[in-house]
N, C-alpha and C. Protein backbone atom coordinates (compact mmCIF):
# COMPACT_ATOMS: atom_id res chain seq x y z
N MET A 1 -112.97 36.67 180.57
CA MET A 1 -113.98 36.38 181.65
C MET A 1 -113.02 36.24 183.28
N SER A 2 -113.20 36.72 183.71
CA SER A 2 -112.73 36.56 185.08
C SER A 2 -113.61 36.43 186.28
N ILE A 3 -113.33 35.16 187.14
CA ILE A 3 -114.57 34.98 188.18
C ILE A 3 -114.44 36.23 188.92
N TYR A 4 -113.75 37.28 188.97
CA TYR A 4 -114.10 38.66 189.70
C TYR A 4 -115.06 39.58 189.00
N ASP A 5 -115.60 38.92 187.46
CA ASP A 5 -116.49 39.92 186.93
C ASP A 5 -118.04 39.69 187.43
N PHE A 6 -118.37 38.45 188.23
CA PHE A 6 -119.58 38.33 188.63
C PHE A 6 -119.86 38.86 189.94
N THR A 7 -121.42 39.35 190.15
CA THR A 7 -121.83 39.63 190.86
C THR A 7 -122.68 38.53 191.80
N VAL A 8 -123.10 38.82 192.97
CA VAL A 8 -124.07 37.82 193.94
C VAL A 8 -124.87 38.87 194.66
N PHE A 9 -125.71 37.84 195.13
CA PHE A 9 -126.55 38.77 196.33
C PHE A 9 -126.59 37.75 197.46
N THR A 10 -126.51 38.65 198.33
CA THR A 10 -126.42 37.92 199.82
C THR A 10 -127.67 37.59 200.28
N ASN A 11 -127.41 36.63 201.59
CA ASN A 11 -128.66 36.16 201.68
C ASN A 11 -129.86 37.40 202.30
N THR A 12 -129.46 38.48 202.40
CA THR A 12 -130.71 39.77 202.76
C THR A 12 -130.70 40.67 201.37
N ASN A 13 -130.55 39.87 200.34
CA ASN A 13 -130.49 40.61 199.02
C ASN A 13 -129.53 41.68 198.82
N GLU A 14 -128.53 41.86 199.28
CA GLU A 14 -127.80 43.05 198.92
C GLU A 14 -126.46 42.48 197.66
N GLU A 15 -126.41 43.05 196.75
CA GLU A 15 -125.77 42.62 195.68
C GLU A 15 -124.14 42.87 195.75
N ILE A 16 -123.59 41.96 195.82
CA ILE A 16 -121.99 42.48 195.95
C ILE A 16 -120.91 41.62 194.66
N PRO A 17 -120.10 42.45 194.62
CA PRO A 17 -119.21 41.85 193.52
C PRO A 17 -118.44 40.52 194.24
N ILE A 18 -117.88 39.68 193.59
CA ILE A 18 -117.00 38.35 193.92
C ILE A 18 -115.64 39.14 193.94
N SER A 19 -115.18 40.24 193.16
CA SER A 19 -113.83 40.72 193.37
C SER A 19 -113.46 41.52 194.77
N ASN A 20 -114.76 41.79 195.95
CA ASN A 20 -114.63 41.67 197.20
C ASN A 20 -113.86 40.65 197.65
N TYR A 21 -113.55 39.52 197.10
CA TYR A 21 -112.96 38.54 197.68
C TYR A 21 -111.57 38.56 196.79
N GLN A 22 -111.34 39.38 195.97
CA GLN A 22 -110.04 39.01 195.34
C GLN A 22 -108.96 39.09 196.42
N ASP A 23 -107.58 38.22 196.05
CA ASP A 23 -106.38 38.29 196.84
C ASP A 23 -106.71 37.24 197.89
N LYS A 24 -108.18 36.61 198.04
CA LYS A 24 -108.00 35.59 198.99
C LYS A 24 -108.15 34.23 198.23
N VAL A 25 -107.71 33.36 198.90
CA VAL A 25 -108.30 31.64 198.25
C VAL A 25 -109.83 31.64 199.20
N MET A 26 -110.59 31.14 197.79
CA MET A 26 -111.71 30.89 198.01
C MET A 26 -112.45 29.35 198.04
N LEU A 27 -113.18 28.92 198.58
CA LEU A 27 -114.07 27.51 198.53
C LEU A 27 -115.24 27.90 198.43
N ILE A 28 -115.61 27.84 197.07
CA ILE A 28 -117.48 28.01 196.58
C ILE A 28 -118.12 26.66 197.01
N VAL A 29 -119.38 26.56 197.65
CA VAL A 29 -119.86 25.43 198.05
C VAL A 29 -121.38 25.78 197.46
N ASN A 30 -122.00 24.91 196.73
CA ASN A 30 -123.44 24.69 196.72
C ASN A 30 -123.94 23.88 197.84
N THR A 31 -124.64 24.66 198.42
CA THR A 31 -125.08 23.96 199.74
C THR A 31 -126.82 23.68 199.60
N ALA A 32 -127.15 22.75 200.88
CA ALA A 32 -128.64 22.59 200.99
C ALA A 32 -128.69 22.17 202.71
N SER A 33 -129.85 22.66 203.23
CA SER A 33 -130.11 22.61 204.64
C SER A 33 -130.63 21.36 205.33
N LYS A 34 -131.13 20.32 204.04
CA LYS A 34 -132.04 19.22 204.74
C LYS A 34 -131.29 17.82 203.65
N CYS A 35 -130.20 17.74 203.66
CA CYS A 35 -129.55 16.92 202.85
C CYS A 35 -128.69 16.34 203.81
N GLY A 36 -128.35 14.84 203.35
CA GLY A 36 -127.73 13.97 204.39
C GLY A 36 -126.11 14.36 204.48
N LEU A 37 -125.90 15.19 203.57
CA LEU A 37 -124.61 15.85 203.49
C LEU A 37 -124.32 16.91 204.44
N THR A 38 -125.48 17.78 204.76
CA THR A 38 -125.42 19.28 205.51
C THR A 38 -124.60 19.01 206.70
N PRO A 39 -124.12 18.22 207.33
CA PRO A 39 -123.41 18.32 208.38
C PRO A 39 -122.07 18.68 208.36
N GLN A 40 -121.62 18.71 206.85
CA GLN A 40 -120.36 19.00 206.10
C GLN A 40 -120.33 20.58 206.69
N PHE A 41 -121.30 21.50 206.68
CA PHE A 41 -121.40 22.70 207.36
C PHE A 41 -120.37 23.07 208.60
N GLN A 42 -120.19 21.93 209.12
CA GLN A 42 -119.29 21.62 210.61
C GLN A 42 -117.78 22.20 209.87
N GLY A 43 -117.79 21.20 209.06
CA GLY A 43 -116.57 20.84 208.77
C GLY A 43 -115.83 22.23 208.11
N LEU A 44 -116.87 22.64 206.82
CA LEU A 44 -116.82 23.91 206.28
C LEU A 44 -116.45 25.26 207.24
N GLN A 45 -117.03 25.56 208.46
CA GLN A 45 -116.76 26.31 209.26
C GLN A 45 -115.62 26.12 209.89
N GLU A 46 -114.85 24.97 210.41
CA GLU A 46 -113.73 24.75 210.66
C GLU A 46 -112.72 25.17 209.99
N LEU A 47 -112.92 24.52 208.74
CA LEU A 47 -111.98 25.37 207.87
C LEU A 47 -111.77 27.16 207.80
N TYR A 48 -112.72 27.67 207.70
CA TYR A 48 -112.99 28.98 207.55
C TYR A 48 -112.35 29.41 208.90
N ASP A 49 -112.78 28.93 210.00
CA ASP A 49 -111.92 29.27 211.25
C ASP A 49 -110.72 29.49 211.47
N GLU A 50 -109.54 28.24 210.74
CA GLU A 50 -108.78 27.85 210.91
C GLU A 50 -107.63 28.72 209.84
N TYR A 51 -108.60 29.42 209.06
CA TYR A 51 -107.74 30.00 207.85
C TYR A 51 -108.11 31.07 207.27
N GLN A 52 -108.99 31.59 207.81
CA GLN A 52 -109.57 32.90 207.61
C GLN A 52 -108.59 33.91 208.05
N GLU A 53 -107.55 33.94 208.88
CA GLU A 53 -106.87 34.93 209.19
C GLU A 53 -105.78 35.03 208.09
N GLY A 54 -105.42 33.91 207.36
CA GLY A 54 -104.73 33.86 206.08
C GLY A 54 -105.26 34.41 204.81
N ASP A 55 -106.28 34.91 204.71
CA ASP A 55 -106.91 35.07 203.67
C ASP A 55 -107.77 34.30 202.82
N PHE A 56 -108.40 33.39 203.68
CA PHE A 56 -109.08 32.32 203.15
C PHE A 56 -110.77 32.48 203.22
N VAL A 57 -111.56 32.36 202.49
CA VAL A 57 -113.03 32.38 202.82
C VAL A 57 -113.89 31.30 202.40
N VAL A 58 -115.07 30.64 202.68
CA VAL A 58 -115.68 30.09 202.34
C VAL A 58 -116.99 30.76 201.81
N LEU A 59 -117.13 30.57 200.64
CA LEU A 59 -118.84 31.21 200.10
C LEU A 59 -119.72 30.18 199.76
N GLY A 60 -120.90 30.27 200.78
CA GLY A 60 -121.83 29.38 200.76
C GLY A 60 -122.99 29.89 199.69
N PHE A 61 -123.55 28.78 198.76
CA PHE A 61 -124.55 29.01 197.85
C PHE A 61 -125.89 28.32 198.26
N PRO A 62 -126.76 28.43 198.84
CA PRO A 62 -127.87 27.59 198.90
C PRO A 62 -128.65 27.28 197.61
N CYS A 63 -128.86 25.95 197.61
CA CYS A 63 -129.70 25.41 196.24
C CYS A 63 -130.48 24.59 196.39
N GLY A 64 -131.75 24.44 195.77
CA GLY A 64 -132.69 23.47 195.76
C GLY A 64 -133.01 22.58 195.02
N GLN A 65 -131.92 22.85 193.91
CA GLN A 65 -132.25 21.83 192.76
C GLN A 65 -131.93 20.38 192.79
N PHE A 66 -131.61 19.92 194.15
CA PHE A 66 -131.36 18.24 194.30
C PHE A 66 -132.51 17.91 195.15
N ALA A 67 -133.49 17.31 194.84
CA ALA A 67 -134.36 17.20 195.74
C ALA A 67 -135.21 17.97 196.54
N ASN A 68 -135.25 19.08 196.16
CA ASN A 68 -135.70 20.39 196.73
C ASN A 68 -135.13 20.45 198.32
N GLN A 69 -133.86 19.99 198.85
CA GLN A 69 -133.43 19.95 200.16
C GLN A 69 -133.14 21.25 200.55
N GLU A 70 -133.57 22.46 200.21
CA GLU A 70 -132.98 23.75 200.70
C GLU A 70 -134.28 24.41 201.05
N PHE A 71 -134.41 25.34 202.00
CA PHE A 71 -135.36 26.72 202.06
C PHE A 71 -135.99 27.22 201.02
N ALA A 72 -136.88 27.94 201.41
CA ALA A 72 -137.46 28.61 200.41
C ALA A 72 -136.44 29.70 200.18
N ASP A 73 -135.95 30.58 201.10
CA ASP A 73 -134.77 31.51 200.63
C ASP A 73 -133.49 31.40 201.11
N GLY A 74 -132.43 32.05 201.00
CA GLY A 74 -131.19 32.16 201.58
C GLY A 74 -130.90 32.67 202.89
N GLU A 75 -132.21 33.70 203.15
CA GLU A 75 -132.01 34.03 204.70
C GLU A 75 -132.75 33.12 205.74
N GLU A 76 -133.37 32.43 205.18
CA GLU A 76 -133.66 31.22 206.01
C GLU A 76 -132.80 30.13 206.23
N ALA A 77 -132.13 29.96 205.24
CA ALA A 77 -131.09 28.85 205.19
C ALA A 77 -129.72 29.42 205.83
N ALA A 78 -129.48 30.46 205.58
CA ALA A 78 -128.24 31.11 206.78
C ALA A 78 -128.60 31.03 207.94
N SER A 79 -130.05 31.37 208.65
CA SER A 79 -130.38 31.36 209.75
C SER A 79 -130.21 29.95 210.50
N PHE A 80 -130.73 29.01 209.49
CA PHE A 80 -130.75 27.58 210.07
C PHE A 80 -129.25 27.29 210.26
N CYS A 81 -128.27 27.49 209.28
CA CYS A 81 -126.43 27.12 209.01
C CYS A 81 -126.22 27.94 210.36
N GLN A 82 -126.34 29.36 210.65
CA GLN A 82 -125.83 29.60 212.03
C GLN A 82 -126.48 29.15 213.09
N LYS A 83 -127.75 28.66 213.31
CA LYS A 83 -128.10 28.09 214.73
C LYS A 83 -127.83 26.63 214.92
N ASN A 84 -127.69 25.77 213.61
CA ASN A 84 -127.39 24.48 214.00
C ASN A 84 -125.92 24.13 213.54
N TYR A 85 -125.05 25.11 212.92
CA TYR A 85 -123.73 24.68 212.94
C TYR A 85 -122.66 25.73 213.11
N GLY A 86 -123.33 27.08 213.48
CA GLY A 86 -122.38 27.95 214.02
C GLY A 86 -121.83 28.79 213.20
N VAL A 87 -122.57 28.47 211.49
CA VAL A 87 -121.55 29.07 210.32
C VAL A 87 -121.67 30.39 210.55
N THR A 88 -120.19 30.90 210.25
CA THR A 88 -120.24 32.83 210.39
C THR A 88 -119.95 33.09 208.78
N PHE A 89 -119.15 32.01 208.01
CA PHE A 89 -118.76 32.36 206.70
C PHE A 89 -120.09 32.85 206.11
N PRO A 90 -119.51 33.55 204.56
CA PRO A 90 -120.70 34.34 203.81
C PRO A 90 -121.72 32.96 203.11
N MET A 91 -123.02 33.62 203.57
CA MET A 91 -124.12 32.43 202.81
C MET A 91 -124.85 33.59 201.76
N PHE A 92 -125.39 33.31 200.63
CA PHE A 92 -125.58 33.78 199.91
C PHE A 92 -127.06 33.65 199.49
N ALA A 93 -127.68 34.23 198.73
CA ALA A 93 -129.16 34.11 197.99
C ALA A 93 -129.33 32.45 197.60
N LYS A 94 -130.12 31.79 197.57
CA LYS A 94 -130.57 30.57 196.93
C LYS A 94 -130.23 30.82 195.51
N VAL A 95 -129.39 30.08 194.77
CA VAL A 95 -129.36 30.02 193.32
C VAL A 95 -129.41 28.47 192.45
N ASP A 96 -129.55 28.55 191.51
CA ASP A 96 -129.62 27.30 190.85
C ASP A 96 -128.47 27.24 190.29
N VAL A 97 -127.91 25.90 190.07
CA VAL A 97 -126.48 25.79 189.39
C VAL A 97 -126.35 24.86 188.52
N ASN A 98 -127.34 24.51 187.64
CA ASN A 98 -127.63 23.60 186.71
C ASN A 98 -128.50 24.31 185.46
N GLY A 99 -128.50 24.16 184.42
CA GLY A 99 -129.78 24.59 183.62
C GLY A 99 -129.36 25.92 183.21
N ILE A 100 -130.90 26.20 182.47
CA ILE A 100 -131.06 27.42 181.72
C ILE A 100 -130.73 28.45 182.63
N ASN A 101 -131.26 28.11 183.83
CA ASN A 101 -131.49 29.13 184.93
C ASN A 101 -129.96 29.38 186.13
N ALA A 102 -129.11 28.52 185.79
CA ALA A 102 -128.11 28.79 186.75
C ALA A 102 -127.28 29.92 186.95
N HIS A 103 -126.88 30.56 188.01
CA HIS A 103 -126.25 31.56 188.55
C HIS A 103 -125.03 31.65 187.39
N PRO A 104 -124.67 32.52 186.73
CA PRO A 104 -123.60 32.72 185.78
C PRO A 104 -122.17 32.09 186.85
N LEU A 105 -121.92 32.73 187.94
CA LEU A 105 -120.81 32.43 188.39
C LEU A 105 -120.58 30.49 188.18
N PHE A 106 -121.82 30.09 188.68
CA PHE A 106 -121.76 28.43 188.63
C PHE A 106 -121.67 27.86 187.38
N ALA A 107 -121.97 28.40 186.29
CA ALA A 107 -121.82 28.08 185.11
C ALA A 107 -120.32 28.23 184.60
N TYR A 108 -119.75 29.77 184.97
CA TYR A 108 -118.18 29.80 184.98
C TYR A 108 -117.40 28.56 185.46
N LEU A 109 -117.71 28.34 186.90
CA LEU A 109 -117.21 27.28 187.69
C LEU A 109 -116.80 26.13 187.11
N THR A 110 -118.35 25.70 186.73
CA THR A 110 -118.39 23.92 186.31
C THR A 110 -117.66 24.06 184.64
N LYS A 111 -117.73 25.26 184.03
CA LYS A 111 -116.67 25.09 182.64
C LYS A 111 -115.40 25.11 183.18
N ALA A 112 -114.89 26.11 184.02
CA ALA A 112 -113.30 26.11 184.70
C ALA A 112 -112.95 24.84 185.08
N LYS A 113 -113.68 24.09 185.67
CA LYS A 113 -112.95 22.86 186.29
C LYS A 113 -114.41 21.74 185.97
N LYS A 114 -114.07 20.92 185.09
CA LYS A 114 -115.11 19.75 184.89
C LYS A 114 -115.44 18.59 185.99
N GLY A 115 -116.22 17.79 186.27
CA GLY A 115 -116.48 17.21 187.31
C GLY A 115 -116.19 15.70 186.66
N PHE A 116 -116.22 14.45 187.13
CA PHE A 116 -115.99 13.12 187.06
C PHE A 116 -116.45 12.94 185.53
N LEU A 117 -115.65 12.54 184.78
CA LEU A 117 -115.55 11.96 183.45
C LEU A 117 -115.55 13.30 182.67
N GLY A 118 -115.33 14.44 182.73
CA GLY A 118 -115.43 15.52 182.18
C GLY A 118 -116.65 16.31 181.77
N THR A 119 -117.57 16.09 182.83
CA THR A 119 -118.73 16.51 182.98
C THR A 119 -118.76 17.84 183.77
N LYS A 120 -119.71 18.77 183.16
CA LYS A 120 -119.73 19.98 183.78
C LYS A 120 -120.92 20.02 184.76
N LYS A 121 -121.93 19.47 184.55
CA LYS A 121 -123.14 19.43 185.41
C LYS A 121 -122.81 19.33 186.92
N ILE A 122 -123.25 19.85 187.78
CA ILE A 122 -123.31 19.79 189.55
C ILE A 122 -124.22 18.51 189.62
N LYS A 123 -123.60 17.56 190.18
CA LYS A 123 -124.73 16.21 190.50
C LYS A 123 -125.50 16.03 191.62
N TRP A 124 -125.02 16.99 192.58
CA TRP A 124 -125.43 17.12 194.04
C TRP A 124 -125.08 17.99 194.84
N ASN A 125 -125.63 18.26 196.13
CA ASN A 125 -125.49 19.25 196.85
C ASN A 125 -123.91 19.04 197.37
N PHE A 126 -123.67 20.28 198.06
CA PHE A 126 -121.87 20.38 198.48
C PHE A 126 -120.75 19.94 197.27
N ASN A 127 -120.68 20.10 196.17
CA ASN A 127 -119.87 20.29 195.40
C ASN A 127 -119.01 21.67 195.59
N LYS A 128 -117.57 21.22 195.72
CA LYS A 128 -116.86 22.21 196.17
C LYS A 128 -115.71 22.97 195.24
N PHE A 129 -115.93 24.13 194.98
CA PHE A 129 -114.74 24.76 193.97
C PHE A 129 -113.81 25.38 194.83
N LEU A 130 -112.41 25.06 194.41
CA LEU A 130 -111.33 26.01 195.12
C LEU A 130 -110.49 26.90 194.14
N VAL A 131 -110.25 28.39 194.58
CA VAL A 131 -109.99 29.11 193.72
C VAL A 131 -108.93 30.13 194.44
N ASP A 132 -107.90 29.73 193.75
CA ASP A 132 -106.63 30.56 194.29
C ASP A 132 -106.51 32.07 194.32
N ARG A 133 -105.73 32.56 195.05
CA ARG A 133 -105.77 34.03 195.35
C ARG A 133 -106.05 35.11 193.57
N SER A 134 -105.44 34.25 192.58
CA SER A 134 -105.49 35.19 191.52
C SER A 134 -106.66 34.78 190.83
N GLY A 135 -107.90 34.29 191.27
CA GLY A 135 -109.02 33.91 190.70
C GLY A 135 -109.09 32.77 189.86
N LYS A 136 -107.82 31.92 189.94
CA LYS A 136 -107.96 30.83 189.20
C LYS A 136 -108.54 29.31 189.71
N VAL A 137 -109.63 28.93 189.57
CA VAL A 137 -110.24 27.91 189.59
C VAL A 137 -109.62 26.53 189.76
N VAL A 138 -108.71 26.17 190.48
CA VAL A 138 -108.05 25.17 190.67
C VAL A 138 -108.04 23.60 190.84
N LYS A 139 -109.37 23.83 191.55
CA LYS A 139 -109.77 22.32 191.90
C LYS A 139 -111.44 22.25 192.08
N ARG A 140 -111.83 20.87 191.94
CA ARG A 140 -113.30 20.70 191.93
C ARG A 140 -113.36 19.59 192.90
N TYR A 141 -114.09 19.62 194.32
CA TYR A 141 -114.18 18.13 194.96
C TYR A 141 -115.96 17.83 194.49
N PRO A 142 -116.07 16.43 194.48
CA PRO A 142 -117.06 16.04 194.69
C PRO A 142 -117.92 16.06 196.04
N PRO A 143 -119.33 16.04 196.26
CA PRO A 143 -120.16 16.14 197.38
C PRO A 143 -119.54 15.41 198.43
N THR A 144 -119.05 14.03 198.23
CA THR A 144 -118.63 13.45 199.13
C THR A 144 -117.44 13.64 200.00
N THR A 145 -116.46 14.52 199.23
CA THR A 145 -115.38 15.15 199.85
C THR A 145 -115.48 15.95 201.13
N LYS A 146 -115.33 15.51 202.18
CA LYS A 146 -115.29 15.88 203.36
C LYS A 146 -114.38 17.18 203.62
N PRO A 147 -114.81 18.30 204.05
CA PRO A 147 -113.77 19.36 204.17
C PRO A 147 -112.56 19.30 204.91
N GLU A 148 -112.31 18.66 205.56
CA GLU A 148 -111.20 18.27 206.35
C GLU A 148 -110.05 17.72 205.12
N LYS A 149 -110.84 17.41 204.26
CA LYS A 149 -109.64 16.30 203.35
C LYS A 149 -109.43 17.61 202.25
N ILE A 150 -109.82 18.64 202.16
CA ILE A 150 -109.54 20.00 201.55
C ILE A 150 -108.25 20.64 202.05
N ALA A 151 -107.81 20.82 203.32
CA ALA A 151 -107.13 21.79 204.08
C ALA A 151 -105.80 21.55 203.59
N ASP A 152 -105.20 20.33 203.29
CA ASP A 152 -103.71 20.58 202.75
C ASP A 152 -103.89 21.37 201.29
N ASP A 153 -104.77 21.46 200.72
CA ASP A 153 -105.06 22.03 199.24
C ASP A 153 -105.03 23.73 199.43
N ILE A 154 -105.56 23.69 200.61
CA ILE A 154 -105.91 25.44 200.99
C ILE A 154 -104.60 25.93 201.56
N GLU A 155 -104.04 24.81 202.17
CA GLU A 155 -102.65 25.46 203.10
C GLU A 155 -101.69 25.53 201.86
N LYS A 156 -101.54 24.79 200.70
CA LYS A 156 -100.62 25.28 199.67
C LYS A 156 -101.10 26.19 198.99
N LEU A 157 -101.88 26.92 198.71
CA LEU A 157 -102.61 28.09 198.19
C LEU A 157 -102.20 29.13 198.95
N LEU A 158 -102.36 29.18 200.14
CA LEU A 158 -102.26 30.37 201.09
C LEU A 158 -100.66 30.40 201.17
């Protein structure tokens, strides 16, 4: 199975395949609009602005599994992000990232790159998964990793 085998829903409920991002470097992030880490949207947008011409994309997936810090739906979350942080990178429908209802994309990502001490479970908002142009998950970053600290890794893949 490849990351390109998955489909996701946009924040307006349109189904699209991850293969739309084939040959791009992707940073896939579980986000939350009401979290102490929410200001990371600014840094994520800056990465997107800096590297999108080089075939880089940030993919944001709102998630309310951690202290219910997300709006009811992805469209409301995307609107908040655009209004407050100028987010223009793709934002998707709200998903679960853990448990039996975890979106298959996140089940795949957490299996491909385990977290601290080898755990698969995502522990909080703003986990980041860096995927190379061939679809390989190359790195997982904890929530506290600021987006600007990922720039060197992105440049190496571009």
